[in-house]
Protein backbone atom coordinates (compact mmCIF):
# COMPACT_ATOMS: atom_id res chain seq x y z
CA UNK A 1 27.19 -28.07 10.02
CA UNK A 2 30.11 -28.94 7.76
CA UNK A 3 32.01 -27.31 4.90
CA UNK A 4 33.42 -28.77 1.72
CA UNK A 5 36.30 -27.03 -0.08
CA UNK A 6 35.82 -25.21 -3.37
CA UNK A 7 36.39 -27.71 -6.17
CA UNK A 8 34.57 -26.88 -9.40
CA UNK A 9 32.52 -24.38 -11.37
CA UNK A 10 29.27 -25.66 -9.83
CA UNK A 11 30.08 -23.54 -6.79
CA UNK A 12 28.37 -20.23 -7.57
CA UNK A 13 30.21 -16.94 -7.30
CA UNK A 14 27.37 -15.65 -5.09
CA UNK A 15 25.91 -17.86 -2.32
CA UNK A 16 22.69 -19.75 -3.09
CA UNK A 17 20.51 -21.89 -0.83
CA UNK A 18 18.88 -25.20 -1.74
CA UNK A 19 15.84 -25.53 0.51
CA UNK A 20 13.35 -28.25 1.32
CA UNK A 21 10.53 -28.32 3.86
CA UNK A 22 8.38 -30.97 5.44
CA UNK A 23 4.94 -29.78 6.55
CA UNK A 24 1.72 -31.00 8.15
CA UNK A 25 0.00 -30.74 4.74
CA UNK A 26 -0.22 -28.72 1.56
CA UNK A 27 -2.52 -25.80 2.43
CA UNK A 28 -0.97 -22.35 2.87
CA UNK A 29 -2.20 -20.55 5.97
CA UNK A 30 -3.53 -23.75 7.53
CA UNK A 31 -0.70 -26.27 7.57
CA UNK A 32 2.63 -25.63 9.28
CA UNK A 33 6.29 -26.53 8.80
CA UNK A 34 7.69 -29.55 10.63
CA UNK A 35 11.26 -29.64 9.26
CA UNK A 36 13.62 -27.34 7.33
CA UNK A 37 16.73 -28.42 5.44
CA UNK A 38 19.17 -26.01 3.79
CA UNK A 39 22.28 -26.60 1.71
CA UNK A 40 24.17 -23.36 1.15
CA UNK A 41 26.69 -23.26 -1.70
CA UNK A 42 29.05 -20.42 -2.48
CA UNK A 43 32.63 -19.50 -3.33
CA UNK A 44 33.91 -20.93 -0.04
CA UNK A 45 32.23 -24.30 -0.44
CA UNK A 46 29.10 -25.91 1.00
CA UNK A 47 27.41 -25.87 4.39
CA UNK A 48 24.37 -27.77 5.60
CA UNK A 49 21.79 -26.87 8.22
CA UNK A 50 18.62 -28.59 9.34
CA UNK A 51 16.11 -28.45 12.18
CA UNK A 52 12.86 -30.03 13.17
CA UNK A 53 10.15 -27.44 13.82
CA UNK A 54 7.32 -27.65 16.33
CA UNK A 55 4.24 -26.97 14.16
CA UNK A 56 2.07 -26.34 17.25
CA UNK A 57 -0.58 -28.64 15.82
CA UNK A 58 -0.90 -32.42 15.33
CA UNK A 59 0.78 -34.06 12.34
CA UNK A 60 -1.74 -36.12 10.32
CA UNK A 61 -1.12 -39.86 10.28
CA UNK A 62 -0.51 -40.06 6.51
CA UNK A 63 2.13 -37.29 6.78
CA UNK A 64 3.80 -39.16 9.63
CA UNK A 65 3.90 -42.26 7.44
CA UNK A 66 5.30 -40.31 4.45
CA UNK A 67 8.05 -38.40 6.28
CA UNK A 68 8.69 -40.46 9.37
CA UNK A 69 8.24 -37.30 11.45
CA UNK A 70 5.75 -37.77 14.27
CA UNK A 71 4.38 -35.62 17.08
CA UNK A 72 6.87 -36.91 19.64
CA UNK A 73 9.83 -35.88 17.45
CA UNK A 74 8.71 -32.25 17.17
CA UNK A 75 7.28 -31.81 20.68
CA UNK A 76 10.51 -30.33 22.06
CA UNK A 77 11.70 -28.78 18.78
CA UNK A 78 11.89 -25.00 18.42
CA UNK A 79 8.89 -23.20 16.95
CA UNK A 80 9.29 -21.32 13.67
CA UNK A 81 9.20 -18.03 15.56
CA UNK A 82 12.17 -19.16 17.64
CA UNK A 83 14.12 -20.03 14.48
CA UNK A 84 12.98 -17.12 12.34
CA UNK A 85 15.66 -14.48 12.88
CA UNK A 86 18.60 -16.83 12.39
CA UNK A 87 16.84 -18.53 9.47
CA UNK A 88 16.16 -15.23 7.73
CA UNK A 89 19.78 -14.19 8.18
CA UNK A 90 20.92 -17.51 6.70
CA UNK A 91 18.79 -17.13 3.57
CA UNK A 92 18.68 -13.36 3.15
CA UNK A 93 20.26 -12.17 -0.10
CA UNK A 94 20.63 -15.72 -1.44
CA UNK A 95 18.96 -17.15 -4.50
CA UNK A 96 16.28 -19.51 -3.11
CA UNK A 97 16.32 -22.87 -4.96
CA UNK A 98 13.68 -25.51 -4.32
CA UNK A 99 11.77 -28.27 -6.09
CA UNK A 100 8.21 -27.06 -6.76
CA UNK A 101 9.53 -23.79 -5.32
CA UNK A 102 6.09 -22.20 -5.14
CA UNK A 103 5.31 -24.61 -2.29
CA UNK A 104 8.45 -24.08 -0.19
CA UNK A 105 8.68 -20.35 -0.83
CA UNK A 106 4.96 -19.91 -0.13
CA UNK A 107 5.13 -21.71 3.21
CA UNK A 108 8.18 -19.79 4.37
CA UNK A 109 6.77 -16.47 3.20
CA UNK A 110 3.57 -17.20 5.12
CA UNK A 111 5.39 -18.18 8.30
CA UNK A 112 7.59 -15.09 8.21
CA UNK A 113 4.57 -12.88 7.52
CA UNK A 114 2.74 -14.43 10.48
CA UNK A 115 5.38 -12.99 12.81
CA UNK A 116 5.75 -9.68 10.98
CA UNK A 117 8.87 -10.37 8.90
CA UNK A 118 9.20 -9.90 5.14
CA UNK A 119 10.71 -12.71 3.05
CA UNK A 120 11.15 -11.97 -0.66
CA UNK A 121 14.21 -13.71 -2.16
CA UNK A 122 14.65 -14.37 -5.86
CA UNK A 123 13.39 -17.91 -6.52
CA UNK A 124 14.55 -20.70 -8.82
CA UNK A 125 12.37 -23.79 -9.22
CA UNK A 126 14.30 -26.93 -10.15
CA UNK A 127 11.17 -28.48 -11.69
CA UNK A 128 11.03 -25.58 -14.16
CA UNK A 129 14.80 -25.74 -14.64
CA UNK A 130 14.64 -29.46 -15.44
CA UNK A 131 11.86 -28.83 -17.96
CA UNK A 132 13.88 -26.07 -19.60
CA UNK A 133 17.10 -28.09 -19.85
CA UNK A 134 15.45 -31.41 -20.73
CA UNK A 135 12.30 -30.53 -22.71
CA UNK A 136 12.09 -34.03 -24.18
CA UNK A 137 11.53 -35.65 -20.79
CA UNK A 138 8.01 -36.05 -19.45
CA UNK A 139 8.81 -36.52 -15.75
CA UNK A 140 10.55 -33.92 -13.61
CA UNK A 141 9.71 -34.96 -10.06
CA UNK A 142 12.53 -35.51 -7.60
CA UNK A 143 12.32 -39.29 -7.95
CA UNK A 144 12.65 -38.91 -11.73
CA UNK A 145 15.73 -36.71 -11.33
CA UNK A 146 17.30 -39.26 -8.97
CA UNK A 147 16.76 -42.04 -11.51
CA UNK A 148 17.70 -40.06 -14.63
CA UNK A 149 20.84 -38.36 -13.33
CA UNK A 150 22.13 -41.00 -10.88
CA UNK A 151 21.65 -38.77 -7.84
CA UNK A 152 22.30 -40.44 -4.48
CA UNK A 153 19.59 -39.93 -1.83
CA UNK A 154 20.51 -40.39 1.80
CA UNK A 155 16.77 -40.53 2.58
CA UNK A 156 13.51 -39.38 0.97
CA UNK A 157 10.91 -36.97 2.24
CA UNK A 158 13.31 -35.59 4.82
CA UNK A 159 14.20 -31.95 4.40
CA UNK A 160 18.00 -31.96 4.38
CA UNK A 161 18.26 -35.13 2.29
CA UNK A 162 15.98 -33.68 -0.40
CA UNK A 163 17.77 -30.33 -0.33
CA UNK A 164 21.04 -32.22 -0.88
CA UNK A 165 19.52 -33.92 -3.95
CA UNK A 166 18.94 -30.47 -5.44
CA UNK A 167 22.58 -29.60 -4.83
CA UNK A 168 23.58 -32.84 -6.56
CA UNK A 169 21.30 -31.95 -9.50
CA UNK A 170 22.91 -28.49 -9.69
CA UNK A 171 26.36 -30.08 -9.86
CA UNK A 172 25.21 -32.49 -12.58
CA UNK A 173 23.88 -29.62 -14.70
CA UNK A 174 27.19 -27.75 -14.45
CA UNK A 175 29.14 -30.86 -15.47
CA UNK A 176 26.82 -31.74 -18.36
CA UNK A 177 26.15 -28.37 -20.03
CA UNK A 178 28.16 -25.45 -21.34
CA UNK A 179 28.18 -22.47 -18.95
CA UNK A 180 26.57 -20.05 -21.42
CA UNK A 181 23.77 -22.48 -22.26
CA UNK A 182 23.04 -23.22 -18.62
CA UNK A 183 23.24 -19.54 -17.68
CA UNK A 184 20.51 -18.79 -20.22
CA UNK A 185 18.23 -21.47 -18.76
CA UNK A 186 18.84 -20.22 -15.22
CA UNK A 187 18.01 -16.64 -16.18
CA UNK A 188 14.79 -17.65 -17.92
CA UNK A 189 13.36 -19.67 -15.04
CA UNK A 190 14.50 -17.54 -12.10
CA UNK A 191 11.67 -15.48 -10.68
CA UNK A 192 12.93 -12.11 -9.50
CA UNK A 193 11.19 -10.87 -6.37
CA UNK A 194 13.62 -8.05 -5.66
CA UNK A 195 13.47 -6.15 -8.93
CA UNK A 196 14.83 -2.68 -8.27
CA UNK A 197 15.63 -0.95 -4.99
CA UNK A 198 12.38 -1.13 -2.95
CA UNK A 199 10.30 -2.54 -5.82
CA UNK A 200 9.67 -6.25 -5.41
CA UNK A 201 7.33 -8.83 -6.87
CA UNK A 202 4.68 -8.08 -4.25
CA UNK A 203 4.62 -4.48 -5.51
CA UNK A 204 4.39 -5.60 -9.11
CA UNK A 205 1.46 -7.89 -8.34
CA UNK A 206 -0.54 -4.89 -7.13
CA UNK A 207 -0.33 -3.27 -10.58
CA UNK A 208 -3.44 -3.79 -12.75
CA UNK A 209 -3.08 -6.26 -15.60
CA UNK A 210 -4.97 -4.14 -18.16
CA UNK A 211 -4.55 -0.68 -19.68
CA UNK A 212 -2.74 2.01 -17.77
CA UNK A 213 0.22 4.30 -17.29
CA UNK A 214 3.28 4.12 -15.05
CA UNK A 215 6.00 6.44 -13.83
CA UNK A 216 9.42 5.43 -12.51
CA UNK A 217 11.06 7.65 -9.91
CA UNK A 218 14.71 7.75 -8.87
CA UNK A 219 16.70 9.31 -6.04
CA UNK A 220 14.98 12.23 -4.33
CA UNK A 221 11.78 11.13 -6.09
CA UNK A 222 12.98 12.59 -9.40
CA UNK A 223 10.76 11.50 -12.35
CA UNK A 224 12.74 9.15 -14.58
CA UNK A 225 10.39 7.67 -17.16
CA UNK A 226 6.66 7.56 -17.95
CA UNK A 227 5.08 4.92 -20.14
CA UNK A 228 1.80 3.28 -21.05
CA UNK A 229 0.64 -0.21 -21.95
CA UNK A 230 -2.46 -2.28 -22.58
CA UNK A 231 -0.78 -4.88 -20.31
CA UNK A 232 0.42 -2.60 -17.54
CA UNK A 233 1.77 -5.12 -15.01
CA UNK A 234 3.59 -7.10 -17.69
CA UNK A 235 5.16 -3.97 -19.17
CA UNK A 236 6.45 -2.65 -15.83
CA UNK A 237 7.95 -6.04 -14.99
CA UNK A 238 9.63 -6.24 -18.39
CA UNK A 239 11.54 -3.03 -17.67
CA UNK A 240 12.96 -4.38 -14.43
CA UNK A 241 13.66 -8.05 -15.00
CA UNK A 242 14.26 -10.55 -17.78
CA UNK A 243 17.01 -11.74 -20.12
CA UNK A 244 15.82 -9.73 -23.14
CA UNK A 245 15.99 -6.24 -21.65
CA UNK A 246 17.54 -3.54 -23.80
CA UNK A 247 20.60 -1.60 -22.72
CA UNK A 248 18.27 1.33 -22.01
CA UNK A 249 16.12 -0.80 -19.69
CA UNK A 250 19.19 -2.08 -17.85
CA UNK A 251 20.42 1.47 -17.25
CA UNK A 252 16.95 2.61 -16.20
CA UNK A 253 16.37 -0.30 -13.79
CA UNK A 254 19.55 0.57 -11.92
CA UNK A 255 18.16 4.04 -11.21
CA UNK A 256 14.57 3.19 -10.25
CA UNK A 257 13.57 3.62 -6.61
CA UNK A 258 9.77 3.81 -6.85
CA UNK A 259 6.97 3.16 -9.34
CA UNK A 260 3.58 4.87 -9.57
CA UNK A 261 0.74 3.64 -11.77
CA UNK A 262 -2.81 4.36 -12.79
CA UNK A 263 -5.42 2.15 -14.50
CA UNK A 264 -6.98 4.07 -17.39
CA UNK A 265 -9.77 1.80 -18.63
CA UNK A 266 -8.49 1.84 -22.20
CA UNK A 267 -5.86 2.92 -24.66
CA UNK A 268 -7.16 6.46 -25.16
CA UNK A 269 -7.02 7.08 -21.43
CA UNK A 270 -3.48 5.68 -21.34
CA UNK A 271 -2.42 8.03 -24.14
CA UNK A 272 -4.00 11.04 -22.44
CA UNK A 273 -2.52 10.29 -19.02
CA UNK A 274 0.94 9.43 -20.38
CA UNK A 275 1.29 12.58 -22.47
CA UNK A 276 0.01 14.74 -19.61
CA UNK A 277 2.44 13.14 -17.14
CA UNK A 278 5.34 13.67 -19.54
CA UNK A 279 4.36 17.29 -20.21
CA UNK A 280 3.97 18.10 -16.52
CA UNK A 281 6.79 16.04 -14.92
CA UNK A 282 9.32 16.04 -17.80
CA UNK A 283 10.92 12.67 -16.91
CA UNK A 284 14.58 12.69 -17.92
CA UNK A 285 14.40 9.41 -19.88
CA UNK A 286 11.42 10.38 -22.05
CA UNK A 287 12.14 12.06 -25.33
CA UNK A 288 10.73 15.55 -25.76
CA UNK A 289 7.83 15.45 -28.28
CA UNK A 290 8.74 16.76 -31.71
CA UNK A 291 6.81 19.55 -33.36
CA UNK A 292 4.46 18.35 -36.06
CA UNK A 293 2.81 20.05 -38.98
CA UNK A 294 -0.78 20.76 -38.02
CA UNK A 295 -0.13 21.39 -34.33
CA UNK A 296 -2.12 24.52 -33.49
CA UNK A 297 -1.84 26.07 -30.06
CA UNK A 298 -5.18 27.50 -29.08
CA UNK A 299 -7.08 25.49 -31.74
CA UNK A 300 -10.84 26.02 -31.38
CA UNK A 301 -12.64 23.53 -29.19
CA UNK A 302 -15.29 21.85 -31.38
CA UNK A 303 -17.90 21.43 -28.63
CA UNK A 304 -20.13 23.80 -26.66
CA UNK A 305 -18.63 22.61 -23.37
CA UNK A 306 -16.83 19.71 -21.69
CA UNK A 307 -17.16 16.14 -22.95
CA UNK A 308 -16.64 12.67 -21.55
CA UNK A 309 -15.25 9.72 -23.51
CA UNK A 310 -16.23 6.27 -22.29
CA UNK A 311 -13.78 3.37 -22.32
CA UNK A 312 -14.03 -0.21 -21.09
CA UNK A 313 -11.03 -2.40 -20.32
CA UNK A 314 -11.81 -6.02 -21.20
CA UNK A 315 -8.90 -7.29 -19.08
CA UNK A 316 -10.23 -5.76 -15.87
CA UNK A 317 -13.90 -5.05 -16.72
CA UNK A 318 -13.14 -1.45 -15.74
CA UNK A 319 -15.49 1.20 -17.17
CA UNK A 320 -14.39 4.83 -16.97
CA UNK A 321 -15.05 8.28 -18.40
CA UNK A 322 -12.22 10.54 -19.61
CA UNK A 323 -13.11 14.22 -19.19
CA UNK A 324 -11.84 16.89 -21.60
CA UNK A 325 -12.65 20.58 -22.03
CA UNK A 326 -10.94 23.17 -24.24
CA UNK A 327 -8.24 20.62 -25.15
CA UNK A 328 -7.44 20.12 -21.49
CA UNK A 329 -7.53 16.61 -20.02
CA UNK A 330 -9.20 16.93 -16.61
CA UNK A 331 -8.91 13.32 -15.50
CA UNK A 332 -10.78 10.04 -15.39
CA UNK A 333 -14.01 9.29 -13.50
CA UNK A 334 -15.94 6.14 -12.68
CA UNK A 335 -19.34 7.77 -13.31
CA UNK A 336 -20.78 10.72 -15.22
CA UNK A 337 -21.57 12.40 -11.90
CA UNK A 338 -17.87 12.19 -10.96
CA UNK A 339 -17.01 13.43 -14.45
CA UNK A 340 -19.12 16.51 -13.81
CA UNK A 341 -17.32 17.05 -10.51
CA UNK A 342 -13.97 17.08 -12.32
CA UNK A 343 -15.24 19.97 -14.46
CA UNK A 344 -16.69 21.86 -11.51
CA UNK A 345 -13.49 21.49 -9.49
CA UNK A 346 -11.01 22.48 -12.20
CA UNK A 347 -8.58 25.13 -11.01
CA UNK A 348 -7.24 26.44 -14.32
CA UNK A 349 -7.85 26.50 -18.04
CA UNK A 350 -4.86 25.65 -20.16
CA UNK A 351 -4.59 24.43 -23.73
CA UNK A 352 -2.67 21.13 -23.70
CA UNK A 353 -0.82 20.39 -26.89
CA UNK A 354 -0.43 16.76 -25.78
CA UNK A 355 -4.22 16.34 -25.42
CA UNK A 356 -4.79 18.05 -28.76
CA UNK A 357 -2.39 15.61 -30.44
CA UNK A 358 -4.07 12.55 -28.93
CA UNK A 359 -7.68 13.57 -29.63
CA UNK A 360 -7.95 15.98 -32.56
CA UNK A 361 -7.83 13.37 -35.32
CA UNK A 362 -9.87 10.84 -33.37
CA UNK A 363 -12.63 13.37 -32.70
CA UNK A 364 -12.59 14.46 -36.33
CA UNK A 365 -13.11 10.81 -37.34
CA UNK A 366 -16.22 10.58 -35.16
CA UNK A 367 -15.02 9.24 -31.82
CA UNK A 368 -18.12 8.82 -29.65
CA UNK A 369 -18.41 11.44 -26.90
CA UNK A 370 -20.94 12.37 -24.23
CA UNK A 371 -21.42 16.16 -23.79
CA UNK A 372 -21.51 17.21 -20.14
CA UNK A 373 -24.49 19.57 -20.23
CA UNK A 374 -25.16 22.51 -17.96
CA UNK A 375 -27.93 20.53 -16.29
CA UNK A 376 -25.53 17.67 -15.51
CA UNK A 377 -22.96 20.06 -14.08
CA UNK A 378 -25.58 21.88 -12.02
CA UNK A 379 -26.59 18.56 -10.45
CA UNK A 380 -23.13 17.92 -9.10
């Protein structure tokens, strides 16, 4: 390991790590890491670290020819499990920078997961960064960067040497471009995995892509904000990360500790669920609904009994039934039988102004409904 003194603005104010791996192949979950190289840059300067890794499986001949790493070289090297704790400590909390970062991040994430450790740094891909800064260029591989920007390789297809090339590219960018311009490019291509408190990219990926509602919670599980979207996952992510967030989103993201969501099968379901959540939980960052002319508490229910409204979400192929009775939204069911069960299991009858506002005009205009008959309810 060695350190270089602080010398220019390319040294970030917060430590970052430039990472490169050599592996036995390109398949996650099958191939294993054979070498790790890390260049860490921060306010104090630069340090380098590298290690061969025993992959505990043979290295294919073509990989040996490409990297120069053979089975004899890794036979006595530490396994990933033996390196894991110190490696995680070295990279934890640092921006993870790699070329084709999906590859390096994916392999490391898989190896850490294999031994029960979580690895979720924010990730910056230098391929995407090169494309953003130099959109007129057609080639953005590491060899192209070496040629175009006069980078100096000490070797190729060895982990530390390639990680050092990324550090050289970083320095070139900071010499060649105005800080504000470069900062904008960096923000646009950085993928945030730690978004807010305990919400990370893995959590976000579990959220349905189609229609739905979401609720943010803060300290002590206090409801902060409820919203809806036809692109639920994208909308939740936009609150928590991205260069175009509003001042309101920035303030909200700092408070969020947990997110809850529900797929609704369509926009009507999202409206019903959102307004009910707001009315019941009263999140502090939602505006209280204003009174409107025509709102009538206790307005007559225009049907003989409960109804179900069918919706289908094209994004997820989800088909659901929204159940309403006496202007009370009872929930969403996957089948008419489940819809009947929602009616049978209701515990109270309460006029909901929010449901009335969502549905009264739509029903008056002929929104298709399915009456839940006495026979259907008796069959539940």
